[in-house]
């Protein structure tokens, strides 16, 4: 089972060589009750650890990632971050790791939703490998 069929073009990297960073277009505002059904990429349950660094303040949070997709993740934390806050994420799971830039798009009492904004080619490949493994174990969120 390949996960790439679940991704939309909006999450794909820009054409270019291996070292071309990926850029993701911002998600449009969705306020409809069925917005969960309009996700851009399949989300998978993920038990990795993330180190979040807020770019502006340098504040760092270490937390668990509850779900992961090609376009972002949900981080379980009781720490509050401003909507739109720019973040540097470093994730580790089972010996693999990858980094991404992102920003806060959602906040609840149990955590924050982060949308990836930039991922370099090497880290994108690592993310895709991780998602492919999660797809094989069918751990959709």
N, C-alpha and C. Protein backbone atom coordinates (compact mmCIF):
# COMPACT_ATOMS: atom_id res chain seq x y z
N UNK A 1 0.85 -1.17 0.00
CA UNK A 1 0.00 0.00 0.00
C UNK A 1 0.89 1.23 0.00
N UNK A 2 0.80 2.11 -0.97
CA UNK A 2 1.60 3.32 -1.02
C UNK A 2 0.81 4.50 -0.50
N UNK A 3 1.44 5.34 0.28
CA UNK A 3 0.74 6.47 0.85
C UNK A 3 0.66 7.63 -0.10
N UNK A 4 1.48 7.68 -1.15
CA UNK A 4 1.52 8.85 -2.01
C UNK A 4 0.21 9.08 -2.74
N UNK A 5 -0.58 8.05 -2.93
CA UNK A 5 -1.87 8.23 -3.58
C UNK A 5 -2.78 9.10 -2.73
N UNK A 6 -2.51 9.17 -1.42
CA UNK A 6 -3.34 9.96 -0.52
C UNK A 6 -2.94 11.43 -0.49
N UNK A 7 -1.76 11.75 -1.00
CA UNK A 7 -1.28 13.13 -0.95
C UNK A 7 -1.86 13.91 -2.11
N UNK A 8 -2.08 15.19 -1.90
CA UNK A 8 -2.55 16.05 -2.97
C UNK A 8 -1.39 16.86 -3.49
N UNK A 9 -1.51 17.41 -4.69
CA UNK A 9 -0.41 18.18 -5.25
C UNK A 9 0.02 19.35 -4.36
N UNK A 10 -0.85 19.89 -3.55
CA UNK A 10 -0.51 21.02 -2.69
C UNK A 10 0.61 20.65 -1.72
N UNK A 11 0.76 19.37 -1.40
CA UNK A 11 1.78 18.94 -0.45
C UNK A 11 3.06 18.50 -1.13
N UNK A 12 3.09 18.48 -2.42
CA UNK A 12 4.26 18.00 -3.14
C UNK A 12 5.33 19.07 -3.19
N UNK A 13 6.57 18.65 -3.21
CA UNK A 13 7.69 19.58 -3.33
C UNK A 13 7.72 20.22 -4.70
N UNK A 14 8.38 21.35 -4.76
CA UNK A 14 8.53 22.02 -6.05
C UNK A 14 9.49 21.23 -6.92
N UNK A 15 9.30 21.25 -8.24
CA UNK A 15 10.21 20.52 -9.12
C UNK A 15 11.63 21.04 -8.95
N UNK A 16 12.57 20.14 -9.09
CA UNK A 16 13.96 20.56 -8.99
C UNK A 16 14.84 19.40 -8.65
N UNK A 17 16.09 19.69 -8.37
CA UNK A 17 17.06 18.66 -8.05
C UNK A 17 16.89 18.12 -6.65
N UNK A 18 17.76 17.16 -6.29
CA UNK A 18 17.69 16.50 -4.99
C UNK A 18 17.81 17.47 -3.83
N UNK A 19 18.57 18.54 -3.98
CA UNK A 19 18.81 19.45 -2.88
C UNK A 19 17.85 20.63 -2.85
N UNK A 20 16.82 20.60 -3.69
CA UNK A 20 15.84 21.68 -3.71
C UNK A 20 14.91 21.54 -2.52
N UNK A 21 14.79 22.57 -1.67
CA UNK A 21 13.88 22.46 -0.54
C UNK A 21 12.43 22.40 -1.01
N UNK A 22 11.61 21.73 -0.21
CA UNK A 22 10.19 21.64 -0.51
C UNK A 22 9.49 22.84 0.09
N UNK A 23 8.55 23.38 -0.61
CA UNK A 23 7.74 24.47 -0.09
C UNK A 23 6.29 24.04 -0.20
N UNK A 24 5.53 24.26 0.85
CA UNK A 24 4.13 23.85 0.88
C UNK A 24 3.27 25.09 0.92
N UNK A 25 2.27 25.15 0.05
CA UNK A 25 1.36 26.28 0.04
C UNK A 25 0.51 26.25 1.29
N UNK A 26 0.16 27.41 1.85
CA UNK A 26 -0.67 27.44 3.05
C UNK A 26 -2.04 26.83 2.80
N UNK A 27 -2.58 26.23 3.85
CA UNK A 27 -3.90 25.63 3.78
C UNK A 27 -4.96 26.73 3.81
N UNK A 28 -5.97 26.66 2.93
CA UNK A 28 -7.03 27.68 2.96
C UNK A 28 -7.83 27.55 4.25
N UNK A 29 -8.43 28.64 4.66
CA UNK A 29 -9.26 28.66 5.87
C UNK A 29 -10.48 27.77 5.64
N UNK A 30 -10.74 26.84 6.54
CA UNK A 30 -11.89 25.95 6.44
C UNK A 30 -12.66 26.03 7.75
N UNK A 31 -13.90 26.48 7.69
CA UNK A 31 -14.70 26.61 8.90
C UNK A 31 -15.92 25.69 8.89
N UNK A 32 -16.04 24.86 7.88
CA UNK A 32 -17.19 23.96 7.78
C UNK A 32 -17.11 22.86 8.82
N UNK A 33 -18.27 22.38 9.32
CA UNK A 33 -18.26 21.30 10.31
C UNK A 33 -17.59 20.03 9.81
N UNK A 34 -17.60 19.81 8.50
CA UNK A 34 -17.01 18.60 7.94
C UNK A 34 -15.56 18.82 7.52
N UNK A 35 -14.90 19.83 8.06
CA UNK A 35 -13.54 20.15 7.62
C UNK A 35 -12.57 18.99 7.84
N UNK A 36 -12.81 18.12 8.84
CA UNK A 36 -11.93 16.97 9.06
C UNK A 36 -11.93 16.04 7.86
N UNK A 37 -13.01 16.02 7.10
CA UNK A 37 -13.10 15.15 5.92
C UNK A 37 -12.40 15.76 4.71
N UNK A 38 -11.93 16.99 4.82
CA UNK A 38 -11.30 17.67 3.71
C UNK A 38 -9.78 17.72 3.85
N UNK A 39 -9.22 16.84 4.63
CA UNK A 39 -7.78 16.83 4.87
C UNK A 39 -7.02 16.63 3.57
N UNK A 40 -5.86 17.28 3.50
CA UNK A 40 -5.04 17.22 2.28
C UNK A 40 -4.23 15.95 2.18
N UNK A 41 -3.98 15.27 3.31
CA UNK A 41 -3.17 14.05 3.30
C UNK A 41 -3.62 13.16 4.44
N UNK A 42 -3.48 11.86 4.26
CA UNK A 42 -3.86 10.90 5.29
C UNK A 42 -3.01 11.11 6.53
N UNK A 43 -3.66 11.09 7.69
CA UNK A 43 -2.95 11.20 8.96
C UNK A 43 -2.77 9.81 9.55
N UNK A 44 -1.62 9.61 10.18
CA UNK A 44 -1.29 8.32 10.78
C UNK A 44 -0.97 8.50 12.26
N UNK A 45 -1.39 7.55 13.08
CA UNK A 45 -0.98 7.56 14.48
C UNK A 45 0.53 7.43 14.52
N UNK A 46 1.14 8.21 15.38
CA UNK A 46 2.59 8.30 15.41
C UNK A 46 3.02 8.54 16.84
N UNK A 47 3.96 7.76 17.34
CA UNK A 47 4.40 7.89 18.71
C UNK A 47 5.78 8.48 18.84
N UNK A 48 6.17 9.31 17.90
CA UNK A 48 7.51 9.89 17.94
C UNK A 48 7.61 11.07 18.88
N UNK A 49 8.83 11.46 19.13
CA UNK A 49 9.12 12.62 19.98
C UNK A 49 9.49 13.78 19.07
N UNK A 50 9.03 14.98 19.43
CA UNK A 50 9.37 16.17 18.66
C UNK A 50 9.97 17.22 19.58
N UNK A 51 10.98 17.87 19.07
CA UNK A 51 11.55 19.04 19.72
C UNK A 51 11.08 20.23 18.89
N UNK A 52 10.22 21.06 19.49
CA UNK A 52 9.69 22.24 18.82
C UNK A 52 10.45 23.46 19.32
N UNK A 53 10.95 24.26 18.41
CA UNK A 53 11.58 25.51 18.80
C UNK A 53 10.82 26.64 18.13
N UNK A 54 10.29 27.55 18.95
CA UNK A 54 9.60 28.71 18.42
C UNK A 54 10.68 29.66 17.89
N UNK A 55 10.62 29.96 16.60
CA UNK A 55 11.68 30.72 15.93
C UNK A 55 11.88 32.10 16.57
N UNK A 56 10.81 32.82 16.81
CA UNK A 56 10.92 34.19 17.30
C UNK A 56 11.52 34.29 18.70
N UNK A 57 11.06 33.43 19.62
CA UNK A 57 11.50 33.54 21.01
C UNK A 57 12.65 32.60 21.37
N UNK A 58 12.82 31.53 20.59
CA UNK A 58 13.82 30.52 20.92
C UNK A 58 13.33 29.51 21.95
N UNK A 59 12.10 29.66 22.40
CA UNK A 59 11.50 28.74 23.38
C UNK A 59 11.43 27.34 22.79
N UNK A 60 11.81 26.34 23.59
CA UNK A 60 11.82 24.96 23.11
C UNK A 60 10.87 24.10 23.96
N UNK A 61 10.15 23.22 23.28
CA UNK A 61 9.24 22.28 23.92
C UNK A 61 9.57 20.89 23.39
N UNK A 62 9.65 19.91 24.27
CA UNK A 62 9.80 18.52 23.85
C UNK A 62 8.48 17.83 24.18
N UNK A 63 7.90 17.16 23.19
CA UNK A 63 6.57 16.56 23.36
C UNK A 63 6.42 15.33 22.46
N UNK A 64 5.28 14.68 22.56
CA UNK A 64 4.95 13.53 21.71
C UNK A 64 4.11 13.97 20.53
N UNK A 65 4.36 13.35 19.39
CA UNK A 65 3.54 13.59 18.21
C UNK A 65 2.44 12.53 18.20
N UNK A 66 1.20 12.96 18.20
CA UNK A 66 0.08 12.02 18.23
C UNK A 66 -0.31 11.55 16.83
N UNK A 67 -0.24 12.46 15.85
CA UNK A 67 -0.53 12.05 14.47
C UNK A 67 0.40 12.80 13.52
N UNK A 68 0.63 12.18 12.36
CA UNK A 68 1.60 12.70 11.39
C UNK A 68 1.04 12.51 9.99
N UNK A 69 1.27 13.50 9.14
CA UNK A 69 0.91 13.39 7.72
C UNK A 69 2.00 14.04 6.90
N UNK A 70 1.84 13.99 5.60
CA UNK A 70 2.79 14.62 4.70
C UNK A 70 2.79 16.14 4.88
N UNK A 71 1.69 16.69 5.35
CA UNK A 71 1.54 18.15 5.45
C UNK A 71 1.72 18.71 6.85
N UNK A 72 1.73 17.87 7.89
CA UNK A 72 1.86 18.39 9.24
C UNK A 72 1.69 17.33 10.30
N UNK A 73 1.49 17.79 11.53
CA UNK A 73 1.37 16.86 12.65
C UNK A 73 0.54 17.48 13.77
N UNK A 74 0.12 16.64 14.70
CA UNK A 74 -0.54 17.11 15.92
C UNK A 74 0.36 16.74 17.08
N UNK A 75 0.75 17.74 17.87
CA UNK A 75 1.67 17.56 18.98
C UNK A 75 0.88 17.61 20.28
N UNK A 76 1.00 16.57 21.07
CA UNK A 76 0.31 16.51 22.36
C UNK A 76 1.13 17.28 23.39
N UNK A 77 0.58 18.40 23.86
CA UNK A 77 1.27 19.24 24.84
C UNK A 77 0.26 20.13 25.56
N UNK A 78 0.58 20.48 26.80
CA UNK A 78 -0.26 21.43 27.52
C UNK A 78 0.33 22.84 27.41
N UNK A 79 1.44 22.97 26.67
CA UNK A 79 2.07 24.27 26.45
C UNK A 79 1.29 25.04 25.38
N UNK A 80 1.19 26.33 25.55
CA UNK A 80 0.46 27.16 24.61
C UNK A 80 1.42 27.89 23.68
N UNK A 81 1.08 27.93 22.41
CA UNK A 81 1.83 28.69 21.41
C UNK A 81 0.83 29.53 20.62
N UNK A 82 1.26 30.66 20.16
CA UNK A 82 0.38 31.54 19.39
C UNK A 82 0.04 30.94 18.04
N UNK A 83 -1.19 31.14 17.59
CA UNK A 83 -1.56 30.72 16.24
C UNK A 83 -0.65 31.46 15.27
N UNK A 84 -0.12 30.73 14.31
CA UNK A 84 0.78 31.32 13.32
C UNK A 84 2.24 31.33 13.73
N UNK A 85 2.53 30.96 14.98
CA UNK A 85 3.92 30.97 15.44
C UNK A 85 4.77 30.07 14.54
N UNK A 86 5.92 30.59 14.12
CA UNK A 86 6.83 29.82 13.27
C UNK A 86 7.67 28.90 14.13
N UNK A 87 7.81 27.65 13.67
CA UNK A 87 8.48 26.62 14.45
C UNK A 87 9.54 25.89 13.64
N UNK A 88 10.55 25.41 14.34
CA UNK A 88 11.50 24.45 13.80
C UNK A 88 11.20 23.15 14.53
N UNK A 89 10.92 22.07 13.78
CA UNK A 89 10.59 20.78 14.37
C UNK A 89 11.69 19.77 14.08
N UNK A 90 12.07 19.01 15.10
CA UNK A 90 13.02 17.91 14.95
C UNK A 90 12.34 16.69 15.55
N UNK A 91 11.99 15.72 14.68
CA UNK A 91 11.28 14.53 15.12
C UNK A 91 12.17 13.31 15.11
N UNK A 92 11.98 12.44 16.09
CA UNK A 92 12.68 11.16 16.14
C UNK A 92 11.67 10.07 16.43
N UNK A 93 11.91 8.92 15.80
CA UNK A 93 11.02 7.78 16.00
C UNK A 93 11.76 6.53 15.55
N UNK A 94 11.92 5.58 16.46
CA UNK A 94 12.53 4.30 16.12
C UNK A 94 13.86 4.41 15.40
N UNK A 95 14.72 5.30 15.80
CA UNK A 95 16.03 5.41 15.17
C UNK A 95 16.08 6.33 13.96
N UNK A 96 14.94 6.73 13.43
CA UNK A 96 14.95 7.65 12.31
C UNK A 96 14.63 9.05 12.81
N UNK A 97 15.01 10.04 12.02
CA UNK A 97 14.75 11.41 12.41
C UNK A 97 14.59 12.27 11.16
N UNK A 98 13.87 13.37 11.31
CA UNK A 98 13.75 14.35 10.25
C UNK A 98 13.39 15.69 10.85
N UNK A 99 13.67 16.74 10.11
CA UNK A 99 13.41 18.11 10.54
C UNK A 99 12.52 18.80 9.52
N UNK A 100 11.80 19.80 10.00
CA UNK A 100 10.93 20.60 9.13
C UNK A 100 10.71 21.96 9.76
N UNK A 101 10.35 22.91 8.95
CA UNK A 101 9.85 24.20 9.43
C UNK A 101 8.34 24.13 9.36
N UNK A 102 7.67 24.81 10.26
CA UNK A 102 6.22 24.80 10.25
C UNK A 102 5.66 25.99 11.01
N UNK A 103 4.33 26.01 11.13
CA UNK A 103 3.69 27.03 11.94
C UNK A 103 2.43 26.45 12.57
N UNK A 104 2.03 27.06 13.69
CA UNK A 104 0.87 26.60 14.44
C UNK A 104 -0.40 27.00 13.70
N UNK A 105 -1.26 26.02 13.42
CA UNK A 105 -2.51 26.31 12.73
C UNK A 105 -3.74 26.00 13.58
N UNK A 106 -3.53 25.32 14.71
CA UNK A 106 -4.67 24.92 15.55
C UNK A 106 -4.16 24.70 16.96
N UNK A 107 -4.97 25.04 17.95
CA UNK A 107 -4.61 24.79 19.34
C UNK A 107 -5.83 24.30 20.10
N UNK A 108 -5.65 23.25 20.89
CA UNK A 108 -6.70 22.74 21.77
C UNK A 108 -6.11 22.60 23.17
N UNK A 109 -6.93 22.17 24.10
CA UNK A 109 -6.43 21.97 25.46
C UNK A 109 -5.46 20.80 25.55
N UNK A 110 -5.43 19.91 24.54
CA UNK A 110 -4.52 18.76 24.60
C UNK A 110 -3.33 18.87 23.66
N UNK A 111 -3.28 19.91 22.83
CA UNK A 111 -2.13 20.02 21.95
C UNK A 111 -2.29 21.05 20.85
N UNK A 112 -1.32 21.00 19.91
CA UNK A 112 -1.30 21.96 18.82
C UNK A 112 -1.18 21.25 17.47
N UNK A 113 -1.85 21.81 16.48
CA UNK A 113 -1.71 21.35 15.10
C UNK A 113 -0.67 22.19 14.40
N UNK A 114 0.26 21.52 13.74
CA UNK A 114 1.35 22.20 13.05
C UNK A 114 1.30 21.85 11.57
N UNK A 115 1.36 22.85 10.73
CA UNK A 115 1.45 22.65 9.29
C UNK A 115 2.91 22.83 8.88
N UNK A 116 3.45 21.86 8.13
CA UNK A 116 4.81 21.99 7.63
C UNK A 116 4.83 23.06 6.53
N UNK A 117 5.86 23.90 6.56
CA UNK A 117 6.00 24.92 5.53
C UNK A 117 7.21 24.68 4.64
N UNK A 118 8.29 24.13 5.19
CA UNK A 118 9.49 23.83 4.41
C UNK A 118 10.13 22.56 4.94
N UNK A 119 10.49 21.68 4.01
CA UNK A 119 11.21 20.46 4.36
C UNK A 119 12.24 20.24 3.25
N UNK A 120 13.51 20.07 3.61
CA UNK A 120 14.49 19.85 2.56
C UNK A 120 14.34 18.44 1.98
N UNK A 121 14.99 18.18 0.87
CA UNK A 121 14.80 16.93 0.14
C UNK A 121 15.15 15.69 0.97
N UNK A 122 16.22 15.75 1.74
CA UNK A 122 16.63 14.59 2.55
C UNK A 122 15.60 14.31 3.64
N UNK A 123 15.17 15.37 4.34
CA UNK A 123 14.18 15.19 5.40
C UNK A 123 12.82 14.78 4.84
N UNK A 124 12.48 15.29 3.67
CA UNK A 124 11.21 14.89 3.04
C UNK A 124 11.24 13.39 2.72
N UNK A 125 12.36 12.91 2.23
CA UNK A 125 12.50 11.49 1.95
C UNK A 125 12.34 10.66 3.22
N UNK A 126 12.93 11.12 4.32
CA UNK A 126 12.80 10.42 5.60
C UNK A 126 11.35 10.44 6.08
N UNK A 127 10.66 11.57 5.92
CA UNK A 127 9.25 11.66 6.28
C UNK A 127 8.43 10.69 5.44
N UNK A 128 8.68 10.65 4.15
CA UNK A 128 7.94 9.74 3.27
C UNK A 128 8.18 8.28 3.65
N UNK A 129 9.42 7.92 4.00
CA UNK A 129 9.71 6.55 4.43
C UNK A 129 8.95 6.21 5.71
N UNK A 130 8.92 7.15 6.63
CA UNK A 130 8.19 6.94 7.88
C UNK A 130 6.69 6.76 7.61
N UNK A 131 6.12 7.59 6.77
CA UNK A 131 4.69 7.49 6.44
C UNK A 131 4.39 6.19 5.69
N UNK A 132 5.31 5.77 4.83
CA UNK A 132 5.11 4.50 4.11
C UNK A 132 5.07 3.34 5.10
N UNK A 133 5.94 3.37 6.11
CA UNK A 133 5.94 2.31 7.13
C UNK A 133 4.65 2.35 7.94
N UNK A 134 4.18 3.54 8.29
CA UNK A 134 2.92 3.66 9.03
C UNK A 134 1.75 3.18 8.17
N UNK A 135 1.80 3.44 6.86
CA UNK A 135 0.76 2.98 5.96
C UNK A 135 0.72 1.46 5.89
N UNK A 136 1.91 0.83 5.90
CA UNK A 136 1.97 -0.64 5.87
C UNK A 136 1.34 -1.25 7.12
N UNK A 137 1.45 -0.56 8.24
CA UNK A 137 0.86 -1.08 9.48
C UNK A 137 -0.57 -0.59 9.67
N UNK A 138 -1.05 0.22 8.70
CA UNK A 138 -2.44 0.72 8.68
C UNK A 138 -2.83 1.40 9.97
N UNK A 139 -2.05 2.38 10.38
CA UNK A 139 -2.33 3.12 11.60
C UNK A 139 -2.88 4.51 11.27
N UNK A 140 -3.95 4.55 10.48
CA UNK A 140 -4.54 5.85 10.13
C UNK A 140 -5.21 6.47 11.34
N UNK A 141 -5.10 7.78 11.43
CA UNK A 141 -5.68 8.52 12.56
C UNK A 141 -7.01 9.11 12.17
